[in-house]
Amino acid sequence: MAQVDKLTFIISPQLKYLGGWLEQLIAESTGKDGKGILPVDLEPSSEVTEYGKDRVFVHIKLPGDNFFDKKVSEIKNAGFPVIEIEMKNIYQLGAEFFRWEFATAVAGFVLDVQPFDQPNVESAKIAARAMMKEYQLKGKLPELKPAFESEGIKVFGDIKAGNLNEAITSFLSKCEIGKSYIAIQAFLRPDEKTWQQLQLLRLKILQKYKAATTLGYGPRFLHSTGQLHKGDSGNGFFIQLISDIQDHVAIPEGAGSDISSISFGTLIRAQALGDKQALIDNKRKVLTIDLGKSISGSLSKLTV
């Protein structure tokens, strides 16, 4: 029997940003000591046959909203457990906050984890600070050797491949239906076009591997799913996406100071490298893809 540890949210469009809050609450609170509940937010809709039996679905809706009713009916008819919550009105949002905070505390008790700490978030910070210190001493961040390079895209990881398709296929070859999940970690500038391209990649991965998928922008996700990524039972496959630093906006040494030793772009790259190292230190599987200068063009080349 599959371990049911992935909570997939289906939320009324008017409330869609609630999912991001729930993601942080649940992942950061429960993902530690080799345990955890994976919250799956804003996953593209797919056929029910492409869902593993490791999922529970949560449908949160407002009165009169039937946007996802057909989809939820299909999921229930397929035998998946579904929790349905219909709020009386938009002003009941505060009650939902309380419901989920209380439920998360109870889940922490059942799982026997301390929901109020985040030990692995700190480990990623330590690794990132070490990267920044090296930059300040040597004038550059650690340089990694790519497994291969093609059309301005570099791929880093423990794989053998001659092209992008082979790289992703090789990396995900041991993905298990009903057990694994695949996390896309995008250290990229967020905009609508990039989001749509990332969601398309996510959908292709879901359809091919039938594993739960998550998508988060770095460094934001480091304080939400980032804790679970390193602290859970280790069933995740992590695809880290980075790009050339576009804008070197200086970080002042102090308030009002004109002196700076590092830019925001370099800081974000150090955070990506630090998170990768923290994942590796926790024996996680990581594939890093440097998209180079053309983020949109490179994303369009990623196939699975």
Protein backbone atom coordinates (compact mmCIF):
# COMPACT_ATOMS: atom_id res chain seq x y z
CA MET A 1 0.00 0.00 0.00
CA ALA A 2 1.34 3.43 -0.92
CA GLN A 3 2.20 5.87 1.85
CA VAL A 4 -0.35 8.69 1.62
CA ASP A 5 1.80 11.72 2.39
CA LYS A 6 1.09 14.21 -0.41
CA LEU A 7 -1.66 16.79 0.13
CA THR A 8 -2.81 18.22 -3.20
CA PHE A 9 -4.75 21.48 -3.00
CA ILE A 10 -7.53 22.43 -5.42
CA ILE A 11 -8.60 25.94 -4.48
CA SER A 12 -11.14 28.43 -5.87
CA PRO A 13 -9.43 30.87 -8.26
CA GLN A 14 -10.40 33.77 -5.99
CA LEU A 15 -8.48 32.11 -3.16
CA LYS A 16 -5.53 30.71 -5.10
CA TYR A 17 -2.89 32.54 -3.05
CA LEU A 18 -4.07 30.67 0.03
CA GLY A 19 -2.21 27.67 -1.37
CA GLY A 20 1.17 29.37 -1.03
CA TRP A 21 0.51 30.06 2.64
CA LEU A 22 -0.64 26.48 3.23
CA GLU A 23 2.44 25.20 1.41
CA GLN A 24 4.79 27.04 3.75
CA LEU A 25 2.84 26.15 6.90
CA ILE A 26 2.63 22.42 6.21
CA ALA A 27 6.01 21.78 4.58
CA GLU A 28 8.10 23.77 7.02
CA SER A 29 6.25 22.43 10.06
CA THR A 30 6.12 18.71 9.25
CA GLY A 31 9.13 18.06 7.00
CA LYS A 32 11.86 16.94 9.39
CA ASP A 33 13.31 13.92 11.21
CA GLY A 34 12.81 11.78 8.09
CA LYS A 35 9.07 12.50 7.98
CA GLY A 36 6.74 15.02 6.38
CA ILE A 37 3.61 15.90 4.47
CA LEU A 38 4.22 17.32 1.00
CA PRO A 39 1.78 20.12 0.08
CA VAL A 40 1.18 20.30 -3.69
CA ASP A 41 0.00 23.74 -4.79
CA LEU A 42 -1.04 25.04 -8.23
CA GLU A 43 -0.23 21.76 -9.97
CA PRO A 44 -1.50 21.77 -13.58
CA SER A 45 -4.66 19.74 -14.09
CA SER A 46 -4.07 16.27 -15.51
CA GLU A 47 -5.93 13.02 -16.09
CA VAL A 48 -6.76 11.16 -12.88
CA THR A 49 -4.93 8.13 -14.23
CA GLU A 50 -1.71 10.12 -13.88
CA TYR A 51 -2.04 10.51 -10.11
CA GLY A 52 -0.29 8.09 -7.77
CA LYS A 53 -2.10 6.54 -4.81
CA ASP A 54 0.09 8.53 -2.40
CA ARG A 55 -2.22 11.56 -2.59
CA VAL A 56 -5.03 13.12 -0.62
CA PHE A 57 -6.88 15.98 -2.33
CA VAL A 58 -8.25 19.07 -0.59
CA HIS A 59 -10.92 21.14 -2.36
CA ILE A 60 -11.43 24.61 -0.84
CA LYS A 61 -14.14 26.68 -2.47
CA LEU A 62 -16.46 29.65 -2.07
CA PRO A 63 -20.28 29.38 -2.31
CA GLY A 64 -21.54 29.22 -5.89
CA ASP A 65 -18.10 28.42 -7.30
CA ASN A 66 -18.19 25.27 -9.45
CA PHE A 67 -14.90 25.92 -11.27
CA PHE A 68 -13.27 22.67 -10.14
CA ASP A 69 -16.39 20.60 -9.37
CA LYS A 70 -16.09 18.37 -12.44
CA LYS A 71 -12.42 17.69 -11.76
CA VAL A 72 -13.09 16.91 -8.10
CA SER A 73 -15.89 14.52 -9.06
CA GLU A 74 -13.52 12.64 -11.37
CA ILE A 75 -10.97 12.39 -8.56
CA LYS A 76 -13.56 11.05 -6.10
CA ASN A 77 -14.91 8.57 -8.64
CA ALA A 78 -11.36 7.30 -9.14
CA GLY A 79 -11.25 6.39 -5.47
CA PHE A 80 -8.96 9.09 -4.13
CA PRO A 81 -9.67 10.54 -0.67
CA VAL A 82 -10.99 14.11 -1.00
CA ILE A 83 -11.47 16.66 1.78
CA GLU A 84 -14.07 19.26 0.75
CA ILE A 85 -14.28 22.63 2.50
CA GLU A 86 -16.85 25.23 1.42
CA MET A 87 -16.33 28.58 3.08
CA LYS A 88 -19.44 30.63 3.85
CA ASN A 89 -17.84 33.77 2.40
CA ILE A 90 -14.48 35.41 1.76
CA TYR A 91 -14.42 36.77 5.32
CA GLN A 92 -14.11 33.23 6.68
CA LEU A 93 -10.50 33.18 5.53
CA GLY A 94 -9.28 33.87 9.07
CA ALA A 95 -11.11 30.77 10.27
CA GLU A 96 -9.30 28.74 7.61
CA PHE A 97 -5.96 30.04 8.90
CA PHE A 98 -6.88 28.79 12.37
CA ARG A 99 -8.16 25.45 11.04
CA TRP A 100 -4.94 24.69 9.18
CA GLU A 101 -2.61 25.94 11.92
CA PHE A 102 -4.42 23.72 14.43
CA ALA A 103 -4.44 20.76 12.03
CA THR A 104 -0.72 21.18 11.35
CA ALA A 105 0.07 21.19 15.07
CA VAL A 106 -1.97 17.99 15.48
CA ALA A 107 -0.17 16.43 12.49
CA GLY A 108 3.15 17.28 14.10
CA PHE A 109 2.05 15.47 17.28
CA VAL A 110 0.93 12.40 15.30
CA LEU A 111 4.16 12.35 13.27
CA ASP A 112 6.19 12.96 16.47
CA VAL A 113 8.00 16.00 15.07
CA GLN A 114 8.45 19.47 16.52
CA PRO A 115 6.38 21.70 14.20
CA PHE A 116 7.87 24.93 15.51
CA ASP A 117 11.48 24.58 14.37
CA GLN A 118 13.24 24.51 11.00
CA PRO A 119 16.66 22.85 11.39
CA ASN A 120 17.33 22.27 7.70
CA VAL A 121 16.51 25.84 6.70
CA GLU A 122 19.44 26.90 8.84
CA SER A 123 21.76 24.36 7.19
CA ALA A 124 21.05 25.90 3.77
CA LYS A 125 21.78 29.37 5.18
CA ILE A 126 25.11 28.18 6.56
CA ALA A 127 26.09 26.74 3.18
CA ALA A 128 25.04 29.95 1.39
CA ARG A 129 27.06 32.09 3.81
CA ALA A 130 30.11 29.91 3.10
CA MET A 131 29.62 30.51 -0.63
CA MET A 132 29.40 34.28 -0.10
CA LYS A 133 32.49 34.28 2.09
CA GLU A 134 34.42 32.51 -0.67
CA TYR A 135 33.17 35.10 -3.16
CA GLN A 136 34.36 37.96 -0.94
CA LEU A 137 37.77 36.32 -0.50
CA LYS A 138 38.36 35.13 -4.09
CA GLY A 139 36.10 37.40 -6.15
CA LYS A 140 34.11 34.48 -7.55
CA LEU A 141 31.76 31.75 -6.45
CA PRO A 142 32.76 28.06 -6.59
CA GLU A 143 32.85 26.80 -10.18
CA LEU A 144 31.23 23.46 -10.90
CA LYS A 145 32.13 21.19 -13.80
CA PRO A 146 29.10 20.49 -16.03
CA ALA A 147 28.17 16.97 -17.05
CA PHE A 148 27.65 18.43 -20.52
CA GLU A 149 27.00 21.73 -22.29
CA SER A 150 24.83 22.36 -25.34
CA GLU A 151 23.35 25.46 -27.02
CA GLY A 152 24.31 27.75 -24.15
CA ILE A 153 22.80 25.42 -21.52
CA LYS A 154 24.94 23.67 -18.90
CA VAL A 155 23.79 20.62 -16.94
CA PHE A 156 25.33 19.61 -13.62
CA GLY A 157 24.69 16.34 -11.85
CA ASP A 158 25.61 12.70 -11.44
CA ILE A 159 24.37 11.68 -14.89
CA LYS A 160 25.65 10.54 -18.26
CA ALA A 161 23.87 12.23 -21.15
CA GLY A 162 24.52 13.84 -24.50
CA ASN A 163 21.50 16.12 -24.66
CA LEU A 164 18.90 17.76 -22.44
CA ASN A 165 16.25 15.10 -22.96
CA GLU A 166 18.68 12.34 -22.00
CA ALA A 167 19.80 14.34 -18.96
CA ILE A 168 16.32 14.72 -17.48
CA THR A 169 15.32 11.16 -18.44
CA SER A 170 18.47 9.75 -16.84
CA PHE A 171 17.95 11.81 -13.69
CA LEU A 172 14.32 10.75 -13.26
CA SER A 173 14.82 7.13 -14.30
CA LYS A 174 14.50 5.88 -10.70
CA CYS A 175 11.37 7.90 -9.95
CA GLU A 176 8.73 5.62 -8.36
CA ILE A 177 4.98 6.04 -8.86
CA GLY A 178 3.19 6.35 -5.54
CA LYS A 179 6.37 7.22 -3.65
CA SER A 180 8.56 9.85 -5.34
CA TYR A 181 7.92 13.52 -5.97
CA ILE A 182 9.66 15.95 -8.30
CA ALA A 183 10.45 19.50 -7.21
CA ILE A 184 11.29 22.24 -9.72
CA GLN A 185 13.38 24.89 -8.00
CA ALA A 186 13.52 28.01 -10.18
CA PHE A 187 16.16 30.55 -9.20
CA LEU A 188 14.87 32.75 -12.01
CA ARG A 189 13.24 36.16 -12.33
CA PRO A 190 9.50 35.53 -11.88
CA ASP A 191 7.21 36.73 -14.66
CA GLU A 192 4.09 35.37 -16.34
CA LYS A 193 5.87 33.90 -19.38
CA THR A 194 8.44 32.10 -17.26
CA TRP A 195 5.69 30.78 -14.98
CA GLN A 196 3.73 29.38 -17.91
CA GLN A 197 6.82 27.69 -19.34
CA LEU A 198 7.68 26.18 -15.95
CA GLN A 199 4.11 24.95 -15.53
CA LEU A 200 4.27 23.31 -18.96
CA LEU A 201 7.50 21.53 -17.98
CA ARG A 202 5.81 20.49 -14.73
CA LEU A 203 2.82 19.09 -16.59
CA LYS A 204 5.02 17.07 -18.96
CA ILE A 205 6.88 15.60 -15.99
CA LEU A 206 3.61 14.73 -14.22
CA GLN A 207 2.18 13.06 -17.31
CA LYS A 208 5.28 11.01 -18.01
CA TYR A 209 6.32 9.98 -14.50
CA LYS A 210 2.93 10.11 -12.70
CA ALA A 211 4.60 11.59 -9.63
CA ALA A 212 3.48 14.60 -7.60
CA THR A 213 5.21 17.80 -8.70
CA THR A 214 5.96 21.08 -6.94
CA LEU A 215 7.25 24.36 -8.31
CA GLY A 216 8.85 27.15 -6.32
CA TYR A 217 10.86 30.27 -7.02
CA GLY A 218 14.15 30.68 -5.19
CA PRO A 219 15.03 31.98 -2.75
CA ARG A 220 11.39 32.14 -1.54
CA PHE A 221 10.83 28.38 -1.35
CA LEU A 222 13.86 27.95 0.94
CA HIS A 223 11.64 29.04 3.84
CA SER A 224 8.73 26.77 2.94
CA THR A 225 9.21 23.52 1.04
CA GLY A 226 12.98 23.95 1.46
CA GLN A 227 12.76 22.55 4.99
CA LEU A 228 10.81 19.48 3.86
CA HIS A 229 13.13 18.89 0.89
CA LYS A 230 16.02 18.17 3.24
CA GLY A 231 14.20 16.85 6.27
CA ASP A 232 11.63 14.37 4.92
CA SER A 233 12.08 10.69 4.04
CA GLY A 234 14.19 11.48 0.97
CA ASN A 235 11.84 10.60 -1.89
CA GLY A 236 12.30 13.87 -3.79
CA PHE A 237 14.04 14.51 -7.10
CA PHE A 238 15.18 18.14 -7.35
CA ILE A 239 15.57 19.98 -10.65
CA GLN A 240 17.32 23.27 -9.93
CA LEU A 241 17.11 25.94 -12.63
CA ILE A 242 19.52 28.88 -12.65
CA SER A 243 20.56 31.46 -15.26
CA ASP A 244 23.18 34.10 -15.95
CA ILE A 245 23.04 37.00 -13.52
CA GLN A 246 21.21 39.76 -15.40
CA ASP A 247 21.43 42.78 -13.10
CA HIS A 248 24.30 43.33 -10.68
CA VAL A 249 22.45 45.55 -8.18
CA ALA A 250 24.84 46.26 -5.31
CA ILE A 251 23.99 45.41 -1.71
CA PRO A 252 25.33 48.22 0.51
CA GLU A 253 27.50 47.24 3.48
CA GLY A 254 25.27 49.35 5.72
CA ALA A 255 22.40 51.81 5.63
CA GLY A 256 23.33 54.76 3.41
CA SER A 257 26.72 53.26 2.52
CA ASP A 258 28.16 53.40 -1.00
CA ILE A 259 30.46 50.48 -0.23
CA SER A 260 29.40 47.03 -1.45
CA SER A 261 31.16 43.68 -1.76
CA ILE A 262 28.33 41.65 -3.27
CA SER A 263 25.31 42.10 -5.54
CA PHE A 264 21.80 40.73 -5.21
CA GLY A 265 22.41 38.53 -8.25
CA THR A 266 25.51 37.02 -6.65
CA LEU A 267 23.61 36.54 -3.39
CA ILE A 268 20.84 34.59 -5.14
CA ARG A 269 23.41 32.42 -6.96
CA ALA A 270 25.12 31.74 -3.61
CA GLN A 271 21.76 30.74 -2.15
CA ALA A 272 21.17 28.34 -5.04
CA LEU A 273 24.61 26.79 -4.58
CA GLY A 274 24.09 26.62 -0.82
CA ASP A 275 20.73 24.91 -1.17
CA LYS A 276 22.18 22.42 -3.63
CA GLN A 277 24.99 21.60 -1.20
CA ALA A 278 22.53 21.21 1.68
CA LEU A 279 20.44 18.82 -0.42
CA ILE A 280 23.52 16.79 -1.36
CA ASP A 281 24.69 16.72 2.27
CA ASN A 282 21.31 15.18 3.11
CA LYS A 283 21.76 12.58 0.35
CA ARG A 284 19.14 14.11 -1.96
CA LYS A 285 19.14 13.74 -5.74
CA VAL A 286 19.80 17.07 -7.52
CA LEU A 287 20.07 18.07 -11.17
CA THR A 288 21.13 21.67 -11.87
CA ILE A 289 20.41 23.24 -15.24
CA ASP A 290 22.02 26.59 -16.05
CA LEU A 291 19.78 28.15 -18.70
CA GLY A 292 22.37 30.76 -19.63
CA LYS A 293 21.36 34.16 -20.98
CA SER A 294 18.07 33.29 -22.70
CA ILE A 295 15.74 31.94 -20.02
CA SER A 296 12.69 31.70 -22.26
CA GLY A 297 14.61 30.18 -25.18
CA SER A 298 16.33 27.63 -22.98
CA LEU A 299 13.14 26.63 -21.16
CA SER A 300 11.50 25.94 -24.51
CA LYS A 301 14.24 23.38 -25.21
CA LEU A 302 13.58 21.34 -22.05
CA THR A 303 11.69 18.16 -22.87
CA VAL A 304 11.02 15.05 -20.84
